[in-house]
Amino acid sequence: MSENTTTVNTAKDYSPSWQRRFEMLDYLGADRLSYDAMRKTEKYKSLSFGERFRLSQNFLALFFGSIYYFCKGMWAKGLFIITASSIYSMLLIGIEVAVGRAFLASIVYWLPTAIFTFLLANYDYYRKEKLGEKIWPNIPAIFGDIKVALPVAFIALVANIYFAYQSTMMLADPYMGY
């Protein structure tokens, strides 16, 4: 087991829909394959559209993102998503400031994170419950520690709010006509 994982909770009862998802993910080898590698297997391609849809999409995660991750006990991943989306937003704000006006629709800011959580939430929950995975294997394990992840996410979020506020004071708003 890598340093990104902990012990597995095997005594938990899951709803029938989660049991079905876990059985399908076991069948597809999600415990040893990355999300992309699992989706490229013949087993995955042989599933019906409905099975692939139920397995891969999570509408609660689409609408609630990190909050959904927190509710499912995936704190480190939820905090990392907040950190990454805050940095992404600050980069977009920087581009708008460099251009001198706000020109990006708000959907550009939130859609990538929403799609990311929409597609990965079920797989991530499975890996958390079956393998005890705290953070994704390609992310440094230190971000799986709440003592590191929480302050980093807090600083990124506060910085994002600060830069967003500052940019509204200096950029022309194309929707308001000034």
N, C-alpha and C. Protein backbone atom coordinates (compact mmCIF):
# COMPACT_ATOMS: atom_id res chain seq x y z
N MET A 1 0.84 -1.17 0.00
CA MET A 1 0.00 0.00 0.00
C MET A 1 0.89 1.23 0.00
N SER A 2 0.57 2.22 -0.82
CA SER A 2 1.41 3.41 -0.90
C SER A 2 1.14 4.35 0.26
N GLU A 3 1.93 5.41 0.34
CA GLU A 3 1.75 6.36 1.43
C GLU A 3 0.53 7.25 1.23
N ASN A 4 -0.14 7.14 0.10
CA ASN A 4 -1.36 7.90 -0.16
C ASN A 4 -2.60 7.18 0.35
N THR A 5 -2.44 6.04 1.00
CA THR A 5 -3.59 5.25 1.43
C THR A 5 -3.55 5.01 2.93
N THR A 6 -4.71 4.59 3.44
CA THR A 6 -4.83 4.21 4.84
C THR A 6 -5.50 2.85 4.89
N THR A 7 -5.92 2.45 6.08
CA THR A 7 -6.60 1.17 6.19
C THR A 7 -8.02 1.29 5.65
N VAL A 8 -8.58 0.18 5.22
CA VAL A 8 -9.89 0.15 4.58
C VAL A 8 -10.97 -0.18 5.60
N ASN A 9 -12.10 0.51 5.48
CA ASN A 9 -13.25 0.25 6.32
C ASN A 9 -14.08 -0.84 5.65
N THR A 10 -14.02 -2.07 6.15
CA THR A 10 -14.73 -3.18 5.51
C THR A 10 -16.06 -3.48 6.17
N ALA A 11 -16.38 -2.85 7.29
CA ALA A 11 -17.61 -3.16 8.00
C ALA A 11 -18.77 -2.25 7.60
N LYS A 12 -18.61 -1.41 6.63
CA LYS A 12 -19.62 -0.43 6.24
C LYS A 12 -20.67 -1.07 5.34
N ASP A 13 -21.92 -0.71 5.56
CA ASP A 13 -23.01 -1.15 4.69
C ASP A 13 -23.25 -0.08 3.64
N TYR A 14 -23.37 -0.50 2.38
CA TYR A 14 -23.59 0.43 1.28
C TYR A 14 -24.98 0.23 0.72
N SER A 15 -25.51 1.29 0.14
CA SER A 15 -26.82 1.20 -0.52
C SER A 15 -26.70 0.25 -1.71
N PRO A 16 -27.83 -0.29 -2.18
CA PRO A 16 -27.77 -1.19 -3.33
C PRO A 16 -27.11 -0.56 -4.56
N SER A 17 -27.33 0.74 -4.78
CA SER A 17 -26.72 1.38 -5.96
C SER A 17 -25.21 1.47 -5.81
N TRP A 18 -24.71 1.75 -4.60
CA TRP A 18 -23.26 1.77 -4.39
C TRP A 18 -22.68 0.37 -4.45
N GLN A 19 -23.42 -0.62 -3.93
CA GLN A 19 -22.94 -2.00 -4.02
C GLN A 19 -22.78 -2.41 -5.49
N ARG A 20 -23.75 -2.03 -6.31
CA ARG A 20 -23.69 -2.35 -7.74
C ARG A 20 -22.50 -1.65 -8.40
N ARG A 21 -22.31 -0.38 -8.09
CA ARG A 21 -21.16 0.35 -8.64
C ARG A 21 -19.85 -0.30 -8.22
N PHE A 22 -19.75 -0.66 -6.93
CA PHE A 22 -18.52 -1.29 -6.44
C PHE A 22 -18.27 -2.62 -7.12
N GLU A 23 -19.32 -3.40 -7.35
CA GLU A 23 -19.16 -4.68 -8.05
C GLU A 23 -18.66 -4.46 -9.48
N MET A 24 -19.24 -3.46 -10.15
CA MET A 24 -18.81 -3.16 -11.52
C MET A 24 -17.37 -2.66 -11.54
N LEU A 25 -17.00 -1.81 -10.59
CA LEU A 25 -15.62 -1.31 -10.54
C LEU A 25 -14.64 -2.42 -10.18
N ASP A 26 -15.04 -3.35 -9.32
CA ASP A 26 -14.21 -4.53 -9.05
C ASP A 26 -14.00 -5.33 -10.33
N TYR A 27 -15.09 -5.56 -11.06
CA TYR A 27 -15.04 -6.30 -12.31
C TYR A 27 -14.12 -5.63 -13.33
N LEU A 28 -14.12 -4.30 -13.34
CA LEU A 28 -13.31 -3.54 -14.30
C LEU A 28 -11.86 -3.35 -13.86
N GLY A 29 -11.54 -3.75 -12.63
CA GLY A 29 -10.18 -3.66 -12.14
C GLY A 29 -9.79 -2.26 -11.68
N ALA A 30 -10.75 -1.50 -11.18
CA ALA A 30 -10.48 -0.13 -10.74
C ALA A 30 -9.53 -0.07 -9.56
N ASP A 31 -9.35 -1.19 -8.87
CA ASP A 31 -8.42 -1.19 -7.74
C ASP A 31 -6.96 -1.19 -8.19
N ARG A 32 -6.71 -1.54 -9.45
CA ARG A 32 -5.33 -1.57 -9.93
C ARG A 32 -5.10 -0.70 -11.16
N LEU A 33 -6.16 -0.19 -11.75
CA LEU A 33 -6.05 0.63 -12.96
C LEU A 33 -6.42 2.08 -12.67
N SER A 34 -5.80 2.98 -13.40
CA SER A 34 -6.21 4.38 -13.32
C SER A 34 -7.59 4.53 -13.96
N TYR A 35 -8.20 5.66 -13.74
CA TYR A 35 -9.53 5.91 -14.31
C TYR A 35 -9.49 5.82 -15.84
N ASP A 36 -8.50 6.45 -16.45
CA ASP A 36 -8.40 6.42 -17.91
C ASP A 36 -8.11 5.02 -18.42
N ALA A 37 -7.20 4.31 -17.76
CA ALA A 37 -6.87 2.95 -18.19
C ALA A 37 -8.09 2.03 -18.06
N MET A 38 -8.87 2.21 -17.00
CA MET A 38 -10.07 1.40 -16.81
C MET A 38 -11.07 1.65 -17.94
N ARG A 39 -11.22 2.90 -18.34
CA ARG A 39 -12.18 3.24 -19.39
C ARG A 39 -11.74 2.75 -20.77
N LYS A 40 -10.48 2.41 -20.95
CA LYS A 40 -9.98 1.94 -22.23
C LYS A 40 -10.04 0.42 -22.37
N THR A 41 -10.41 -0.29 -21.30
CA THR A 41 -10.44 -1.75 -21.35
C THR A 41 -11.62 -2.24 -22.17
N GLU A 42 -11.49 -3.44 -22.68
CA GLU A 42 -12.60 -4.06 -23.43
C GLU A 42 -13.79 -4.33 -22.52
N LYS A 43 -13.52 -4.65 -21.25
CA LYS A 43 -14.61 -4.89 -20.30
C LYS A 43 -15.47 -3.64 -20.16
N TYR A 44 -14.84 -2.48 -20.05
CA TYR A 44 -15.59 -1.24 -19.91
C TYR A 44 -16.37 -0.94 -21.19
N LYS A 45 -15.72 -1.13 -22.33
CA LYS A 45 -16.38 -0.86 -23.61
C LYS A 45 -17.55 -1.80 -23.87
N SER A 46 -17.53 -2.97 -23.24
CA SER A 46 -18.62 -3.93 -23.44
C SER A 46 -19.86 -3.62 -22.59
N LEU A 47 -19.73 -2.71 -21.63
CA LEU A 47 -20.88 -2.33 -20.82
C LEU A 47 -21.88 -1.54 -21.65
N SER A 48 -23.14 -1.63 -21.28
CA SER A 48 -24.16 -0.84 -21.98
C SER A 48 -23.97 0.64 -21.65
N PHE A 49 -24.59 1.50 -22.47
CA PHE A 49 -24.50 2.93 -22.23
C PHE A 49 -25.01 3.28 -20.83
N GLY A 50 -26.11 2.69 -20.43
CA GLY A 50 -26.69 2.96 -19.11
C GLY A 50 -25.75 2.56 -17.98
N GLU A 51 -25.11 1.40 -18.12
CA GLU A 51 -24.17 0.96 -17.09
C GLU A 51 -22.97 1.89 -17.01
N ARG A 52 -22.43 2.27 -18.16
CA ARG A 52 -21.30 3.21 -18.16
C ARG A 52 -21.70 4.55 -17.57
N PHE A 53 -22.90 5.01 -17.88
CA PHE A 53 -23.38 6.29 -17.38
C PHE A 53 -23.53 6.24 -15.86
N ARG A 54 -24.18 5.21 -15.33
CA ARG A 54 -24.35 5.08 -13.88
C ARG A 54 -23.03 4.92 -13.16
N LEU A 55 -22.09 4.29 -13.81
CA LEU A 55 -20.79 4.04 -13.20
C LEU A 55 -19.91 5.29 -13.19
N SER A 56 -19.98 6.06 -14.25
CA SER A 56 -19.02 7.16 -14.43
C SER A 56 -19.55 8.54 -14.06
N GLN A 57 -20.85 8.74 -14.00
CA GLN A 57 -21.38 10.07 -13.76
C GLN A 57 -22.05 10.18 -12.41
N ASN A 58 -21.85 11.34 -11.76
CA ASN A 58 -22.44 11.58 -10.45
C ASN A 58 -22.94 13.03 -10.41
N PHE A 59 -24.27 13.19 -10.49
CA PHE A 59 -24.85 14.53 -10.58
C PHE A 59 -24.71 15.32 -9.28
N LEU A 60 -24.71 14.66 -8.14
CA LEU A 60 -24.49 15.39 -6.89
C LEU A 60 -23.09 16.01 -6.87
N ALA A 61 -22.12 15.27 -7.38
CA ALA A 61 -20.76 15.80 -7.46
C ALA A 61 -20.68 16.94 -8.48
N LEU A 62 -21.46 16.86 -9.54
CA LEU A 62 -21.48 17.92 -10.54
C LEU A 62 -21.93 19.24 -9.92
N PHE A 63 -22.97 19.19 -9.12
CA PHE A 63 -23.55 20.42 -8.57
C PHE A 63 -22.89 20.86 -7.26
N PHE A 64 -22.30 19.93 -6.51
CA PHE A 64 -21.75 20.29 -5.20
C PHE A 64 -20.24 20.14 -5.09
N GLY A 65 -19.58 19.54 -6.07
CA GLY A 65 -18.12 19.48 -6.14
C GLY A 65 -17.44 19.04 -4.87
N SER A 66 -16.64 19.93 -4.32
CA SER A 66 -15.86 19.61 -3.11
C SER A 66 -16.74 19.27 -1.92
N ILE A 67 -17.88 19.90 -1.82
CA ILE A 67 -18.80 19.60 -0.71
C ILE A 67 -19.21 18.13 -0.76
N TYR A 68 -19.46 17.61 -1.96
CA TYR A 68 -19.79 16.20 -2.11
C TYR A 68 -18.63 15.33 -1.63
N TYR A 69 -17.42 15.71 -2.02
CA TYR A 69 -16.24 14.95 -1.58
C TYR A 69 -16.12 14.97 -0.06
N PHE A 70 -16.37 16.12 0.56
CA PHE A 70 -16.31 16.19 2.03
C PHE A 70 -17.36 15.29 2.66
N CYS A 71 -18.59 15.31 2.13
CA CYS A 71 -19.66 14.48 2.68
C CYS A 71 -19.35 12.99 2.57
N LYS A 72 -18.61 12.60 1.56
CA LYS A 72 -18.23 11.20 1.37
C LYS A 72 -16.93 10.84 2.10
N GLY A 73 -16.37 11.79 2.83
CA GLY A 73 -15.17 11.51 3.62
C GLY A 73 -13.87 11.60 2.84
N MET A 74 -13.92 12.20 1.66
CA MET A 74 -12.72 12.34 0.84
C MET A 74 -12.16 13.75 1.04
N TRP A 75 -11.74 14.04 2.26
CA TRP A 75 -11.30 15.38 2.64
C TRP A 75 -10.11 15.86 1.83
N ALA A 76 -9.10 15.04 1.72
CA ALA A 76 -7.88 15.47 1.04
C ALA A 76 -8.15 15.80 -0.42
N LYS A 77 -8.93 14.96 -1.08
CA LYS A 77 -9.25 15.22 -2.49
C LYS A 77 -10.12 16.46 -2.62
N GLY A 78 -11.08 16.64 -1.73
CA GLY A 78 -11.92 17.83 -1.75
C GLY A 78 -11.12 19.10 -1.55
N LEU A 79 -10.19 19.07 -0.61
CA LEU A 79 -9.34 20.24 -0.37
C LEU A 79 -8.41 20.49 -1.56
N PHE A 80 -7.92 19.43 -2.17
CA PHE A 80 -7.06 19.60 -3.34
C PHE A 80 -7.86 20.19 -4.50
N ILE A 81 -9.10 19.78 -4.65
CA ILE A 81 -9.96 20.34 -5.70
C ILE A 81 -10.18 21.83 -5.47
N ILE A 82 -10.40 22.23 -4.21
CA ILE A 82 -10.55 23.65 -3.89
C ILE A 82 -9.27 24.40 -4.24
N THR A 83 -8.13 23.85 -3.86
CA THR A 83 -6.85 24.48 -4.15
C THR A 83 -6.63 24.63 -5.65
N ALA A 84 -6.81 23.55 -6.38
CA ALA A 84 -6.57 23.58 -7.83
C ALA A 84 -7.55 24.52 -8.54
N SER A 85 -8.81 24.49 -8.15
CA SER A 85 -9.79 25.37 -8.81
C SER A 85 -9.55 26.83 -8.45
N SER A 86 -9.05 27.11 -7.25
CA SER A 86 -8.72 28.49 -6.88
C SER A 86 -7.53 28.99 -7.69
N ILE A 87 -6.53 28.15 -7.86
CA ILE A 87 -5.36 28.54 -8.67
C ILE A 87 -5.78 28.74 -10.12
N TYR A 88 -6.62 27.86 -10.63
CA TYR A 88 -7.14 27.99 -12.00
C TYR A 88 -7.89 29.32 -12.15
N SER A 89 -8.73 29.65 -11.19
CA SER A 89 -9.48 30.91 -11.25
C SER A 89 -8.55 32.12 -11.21
N MET A 90 -7.52 32.04 -10.36
CA MET A 90 -6.58 33.17 -10.30
C MET A 90 -5.84 33.33 -11.62
N LEU A 91 -5.53 32.24 -12.29
CA LEU A 91 -4.89 32.34 -13.61
C LEU A 91 -5.83 33.01 -14.61
N LEU A 92 -7.09 32.66 -14.59
CA LEU A 92 -8.06 33.29 -15.49
C LEU A 92 -8.23 34.77 -15.16
N ILE A 93 -8.28 35.08 -13.87
CA ILE A 93 -8.36 36.49 -13.46
C ILE A 93 -7.14 37.25 -13.96
N GLY A 94 -5.97 36.64 -13.84
CA GLY A 94 -4.74 37.26 -14.32
C GLY A 94 -4.79 37.53 -15.82
N ILE A 95 -5.36 36.62 -16.57
CA ILE A 95 -5.50 36.82 -18.02
C ILE A 95 -6.44 37.99 -18.28
N GLU A 96 -7.55 38.05 -17.58
CA GLU A 96 -8.48 39.15 -17.78
C GLU A 96 -7.86 40.49 -17.38
N VAL A 97 -7.10 40.52 -16.30
CA VAL A 97 -6.44 41.75 -15.87
C VAL A 97 -5.41 42.17 -16.92
N ALA A 98 -4.67 41.21 -17.46
CA ALA A 98 -3.66 41.52 -18.48
C ALA A 98 -4.30 42.09 -19.74
N VAL A 99 -5.47 41.59 -20.09
CA VAL A 99 -6.18 42.09 -21.26
C VAL A 99 -6.82 43.45 -20.96
N GLY A 100 -7.19 43.66 -19.72
CA GLY A 100 -7.76 44.94 -19.32
C GLY A 100 -9.26 44.99 -19.21
N ARG A 101 -9.90 43.85 -19.37
CA ARG A 101 -11.36 43.83 -19.20
C ARG A 101 -11.82 42.40 -18.92
N ALA A 102 -12.96 42.29 -18.28
CA ALA A 102 -13.55 40.98 -18.02
C ALA A 102 -14.23 40.52 -19.31
N PHE A 103 -13.81 39.39 -19.81
CA PHE A 103 -14.40 38.91 -21.06
C PHE A 103 -14.80 37.44 -20.98
N LEU A 104 -14.44 36.76 -19.92
CA LEU A 104 -14.77 35.34 -19.78
C LEU A 104 -16.11 35.18 -19.07
N ALA A 105 -16.92 34.32 -19.59
CA ALA A 105 -18.19 34.01 -18.93
C ALA A 105 -17.90 33.23 -17.65
N SER A 106 -18.75 33.35 -16.67
CA SER A 106 -18.51 32.68 -15.38
C SER A 106 -18.43 31.16 -15.52
N ILE A 107 -19.07 30.61 -16.53
CA ILE A 107 -19.03 29.16 -16.73
C ILE A 107 -17.61 28.67 -16.97
N VAL A 108 -16.77 29.49 -17.56
CA VAL A 108 -15.38 29.12 -17.82
C VAL A 108 -14.64 28.89 -16.50
N TYR A 109 -15.06 29.58 -15.46
CA TYR A 109 -14.41 29.45 -14.15
C TYR A 109 -14.82 28.16 -13.44
N TRP A 110 -16.08 27.81 -13.48
CA TRP A 110 -16.53 26.68 -12.65
C TRP A 110 -16.73 25.37 -13.40
N LEU A 111 -16.90 25.41 -14.72
CA LEU A 111 -17.21 24.19 -15.46
C LEU A 111 -16.13 23.11 -15.40
N PRO A 112 -14.84 23.42 -15.56
CA PRO A 112 -13.84 22.34 -15.50
C PRO A 112 -13.86 21.55 -14.19
N THR A 113 -13.97 22.26 -13.07
CA THR A 113 -14.03 21.57 -11.78
C THR A 113 -15.29 20.71 -11.67
N ALA A 114 -16.41 21.26 -12.14
CA ALA A 114 -17.67 20.52 -12.08
C ALA A 114 -17.60 19.24 -12.91
N ILE A 115 -17.04 19.32 -14.09
CA ILE A 115 -16.92 18.14 -14.94
C ILE A 115 -15.96 17.12 -14.32
N PHE A 116 -14.86 17.61 -13.78
CA PHE A 116 -13.88 16.74 -13.12
C PHE A 116 -14.55 15.93 -12.00
N THR A 117 -15.27 16.60 -11.12
CA THR A 117 -15.92 15.90 -10.00
C THR A 117 -17.06 15.01 -10.51
N PHE A 118 -17.78 15.46 -11.52
CA PHE A 118 -18.88 14.69 -12.11
C PHE A 118 -18.39 13.33 -12.61
N LEU A 119 -17.23 13.33 -13.25
CA LEU A 119 -16.71 12.10 -13.83
C LEU A 119 -15.94 11.22 -12.85
N LEU A 120 -15.26 11.81 -11.88
CA LEU A 120 -14.37 11.03 -11.02
C LEU A 120 -14.93 10.67 -9.65
N ALA A 121 -16.04 11.24 -9.23
CA ALA A 121 -16.51 11.05 -7.86
C ALA A 121 -16.77 9.58 -7.51
N ASN A 122 -17.43 8.83 -8.37
CA ASN A 122 -17.72 7.43 -8.07
C ASN A 122 -16.44 6.61 -7.99
N TYR A 123 -15.55 6.81 -8.93
CA TYR A 123 -14.27 6.11 -8.94
C TYR A 123 -13.46 6.47 -7.69
N ASP A 124 -13.42 7.75 -7.35
CA ASP A 124 -12.68 8.19 -6.17
C ASP A 124 -13.26 7.61 -4.89
N TYR A 125 -14.58 7.57 -4.79
CA TYR A 125 -15.21 7.01 -3.59
C TYR A 125 -14.90 5.52 -3.48
N TYR A 126 -14.95 4.82 -4.59
CA TYR A 126 -14.59 3.41 -4.60
C TYR A 126 -13.16 3.21 -4.09
N ARG A 127 -12.23 3.99 -4.63
CA ARG A 127 -10.82 3.86 -4.23
C ARG A 127 -10.62 4.23 -2.76
N LYS A 128 -11.40 5.17 -2.27
CA LYS A 128 -11.30 5.53 -0.86
C LYS A 128 -11.80 4.37 0.00
N GLU A 129 -12.94 3.81 -0.34
CA GLU A 129 -13.54 2.76 0.46
C GLU A 129 -12.83 1.42 0.33
N LYS A 130 -12.42 1.06 -0.86
CA LYS A 130 -11.79 -0.25 -1.08
C LYS A 130 -10.29 -0.27 -0.80
N LEU A 131 -9.61 0.83 -1.13
CA LEU A 131 -8.16 0.87 -0.99
C LEU A 131 -7.69 1.81 0.11
N GLY A 132 -8.60 2.62 0.62
CA GLY A 132 -8.22 3.61 1.62
C GLY A 132 -7.44 4.77 1.03
N GLU A 133 -7.59 5.02 -0.25
CA GLU A 133 -6.84 6.08 -0.92
C GLU A 133 -7.26 7.46 -0.40
N LYS A 134 -6.28 8.25 0.01
CA LYS A 134 -6.55 9.60 0.50
C LYS A 134 -6.46 10.64 -0.62
N ILE A 135 -5.43 10.53 -1.44
CA ILE A 135 -5.16 11.49 -2.50
C ILE A 135 -4.74 10.68 -3.73
N TRP A 136 -4.88 11.25 -4.89
CA TRP A 136 -4.55 10.53 -6.12
C TRP A 136 -3.08 10.16 -6.13
N PRO A 137 -2.74 9.00 -6.71
CA PRO A 137 -1.36 8.51 -6.68
C PRO A 137 -0.33 9.45 -7.32
N ASN A 138 -0.73 10.25 -8.31
CA ASN A 138 0.23 11.12 -8.98
C ASN A 138 0.39 12.48 -8.28
N ILE A 139 -0.31 12.70 -7.18
CA ILE A 139 -0.20 13.92 -6.38
C ILE A 139 0.71 13.58 -5.18
N PRO A 140 1.62 14.48 -4.80
CA PRO A 140 2.48 14.19 -3.64
C PRO A 140 1.66 13.83 -2.40
N ALA A 141 2.11 12.82 -1.69
CA ALA A 141 1.38 12.28 -0.53
C ALA A 141 1.19 13.32 0.57
N ILE A 142 2.01 14.33 0.61
CA ILE A 142 1.88 15.35 1.65
C ILE A 142 0.52 16.05 1.57
N PHE A 143 -0.08 16.11 0.37
CA PHE A 143 -1.40 16.72 0.23
C PHE A 143 -2.51 15.83 0.78
N GLY A 144 -2.19 14.60 1.15
CA GLY A 144 -3.14 13.72 1.81
C GLY A 144 -3.22 13.97 3.31
N ASP A 145 -2.32 14.79 3.82
CA ASP A 145 -2.30 15.13 5.25
C ASP A 145 -3.15 16.38 5.46
N ILE A 146 -4.15 16.29 6.32
CA ILE A 146 -5.07 17.39 6.56
C ILE A 146 -4.35 18.63 7.10
N LYS A 147 -3.26 18.41 7.83
CA LYS A 147 -2.50 19.54 8.39
C LYS A 147 -1.82 20.36 7.31
N VAL A 148 -1.61 19.78 6.16
CA VAL A 148 -1.02 20.50 5.03
C VAL A 148 -2.12 20.96 4.07
N ALA A 149 -3.03 20.04 3.73
CA ALA A 149 -4.04 20.32 2.72
C ALA A 149 -5.00 21.44 3.13
N LEU A 150 -5.40 21.48 4.39
CA LEU A 150 -6.36 22.49 4.84
C LEU A 150 -5.79 23.91 4.76
N PRO A 151 -4.61 24.18 5.32
CA PRO A 151 -4.08 25.55 5.19
C PRO A 151 -3.81 25.96 3.74
N VAL A 152 -3.31 25.03 2.92
CA VAL A 152 -3.03 25.34 1.53
C VAL A 152 -4.34 25.70 0.81
N ALA A 153 -5.38 24.90 1.03
CA ALA A 153 -6.68 25.19 0.40
C ALA A 153 -7.24 26.51 0.90
N PHE A 154 -7.12 26.77 2.19
CA PHE A 154 -7.63 28.02 2.76
C PHE A 154 -6.90 29.23 2.16
N ILE A 155 -5.59 29.15 2.08
CA ILE A 155 -4.81 30.26 1.51
C ILE A 155 -5.17 30.47 0.04
N ALA A 156 -5.29 29.39 -0.71
CA ALA A 156 -5.64 29.51 -2.14
C ALA A 156 -7.03 30.11 -2.31
N LEU A 157 -7.98 29.68 -1.49
CA LEU A 157 -9.35 30.20 -1.60
C LEU A 157 -9.41 31.68 -1.22
N VAL A 158 -8.75 32.06 -0.13
CA VAL A 158 -8.74 33.47 0.29
C VAL A 158 -8.04 34.32 -0.77
N ALA A 159 -6.93 33.85 -1.31
CA ALA A 159 -6.23 34.59 -2.36
C ALA A 159 -7.11 34.74 -3.59
N ASN A 160 -7.83 33.70 -3.94
CA ASN A 160 -8.74 33.74 -5.08
C ASN A 160 -9.82 34.80 -4.86
N ILE A 161 -10.42 34.80 -3.68
CA ILE A 161 -11.47 35.79 -3.38
C ILE A 161 -10.89 37.20 -3.42
N TYR A 162 -9.71 37.38 -2.86
CA TYR A 162 -9.06 38.69 -2.86
C TYR A 162 -8.79 39.17 -4.28
N PHE A 163 -8.19 38.33 -5.11
CA PHE A 163 -7.88 38.73 -6.48
C PHE A 163 -9.15 38.96 -7.30
N ALA A 164 -10.18 38.16 -7.07
CA ALA A 164 -11.44 38.37 -7.78
C ALA A 164 -12.05 39.72 -7.39
N TYR A 165 -12.01 40.05 -6.12
CA TYR A 165 -12.53 41.34 -5.66
C TYR A 165 -11.71 42.48 -6.26
N GLN A 166 -10.40 42.37 -6.21
CA GLN A 166 -9.54 43.43 -6.76
C GLN A 166 -9.76 43.61 -8.26
N SER A 167 -9.95 42.52 -8.96
CA SER A 167 -10.15 42.63 -10.41
C SER A 167 -11.48 43.29 -10.74
N THR A 168 -12.49 43.10 -9.90
CA THR A 168 -13.78 43.77 -10.18
C THR A 168 -13.67 45.26 -10.00
N MET A 169 -12.72 45.71 -9.21
CA MET A 169 -12.54 47.15 -8.99
C MET A 169 -11.79 47.81 -10.15
N MET A 170 -11.00 47.03 -10.90
CA MET A 170 -10.20 47.66 -11.93
C MET A 170 -10.56 47.29 -13.36
N LEU A 171 -11.45 46.33 -13.56
CA LEU A 171 -11.77 45.90 -14.91
C LEU A 171 -13.13 46.42 -15.37
N ALA A 172 -13.21 46.71 -16.65
CA ALA A 172 -14.49 47.07 -17.23
C ALA A 172 -15.35 45.82 -17.32
N ASP A 173 -16.62 45.98 -17.07
CA ASP A 173 -17.55 44.86 -17.12
C ASP A 173 -18.35 44.95 -18.42
N PRO A 174 -18.16 44.00 -19.34
CA PRO A 174 -18.86 44.07 -20.62
C PRO A 174 -20.37 43.91 -20.49
N TYR A 175 -20.83 43.32 -19.41
CA TYR A 175 -22.26 43.11 -19.23
C TYR A 175 -22.96 44.35 -18.69
N MET A 176 -22.20 45.22 -18.00
CA MET A 176 -22.79 46.43 -17.43
C MET A 176 -22.57 47.63 -18.34
N GLY A 177 -21.78 47.50 -19.36
CA GLY A 177 -21.57 48.57 -20.33
C GLY A 177 -20.52 49.59 -19.92
N TYR A 178 -19.71 49.30 -18.93
CA TYR A 178 -18.64 50.24 -18.55
C TYR A 178 -17.35 49.51 -18.30
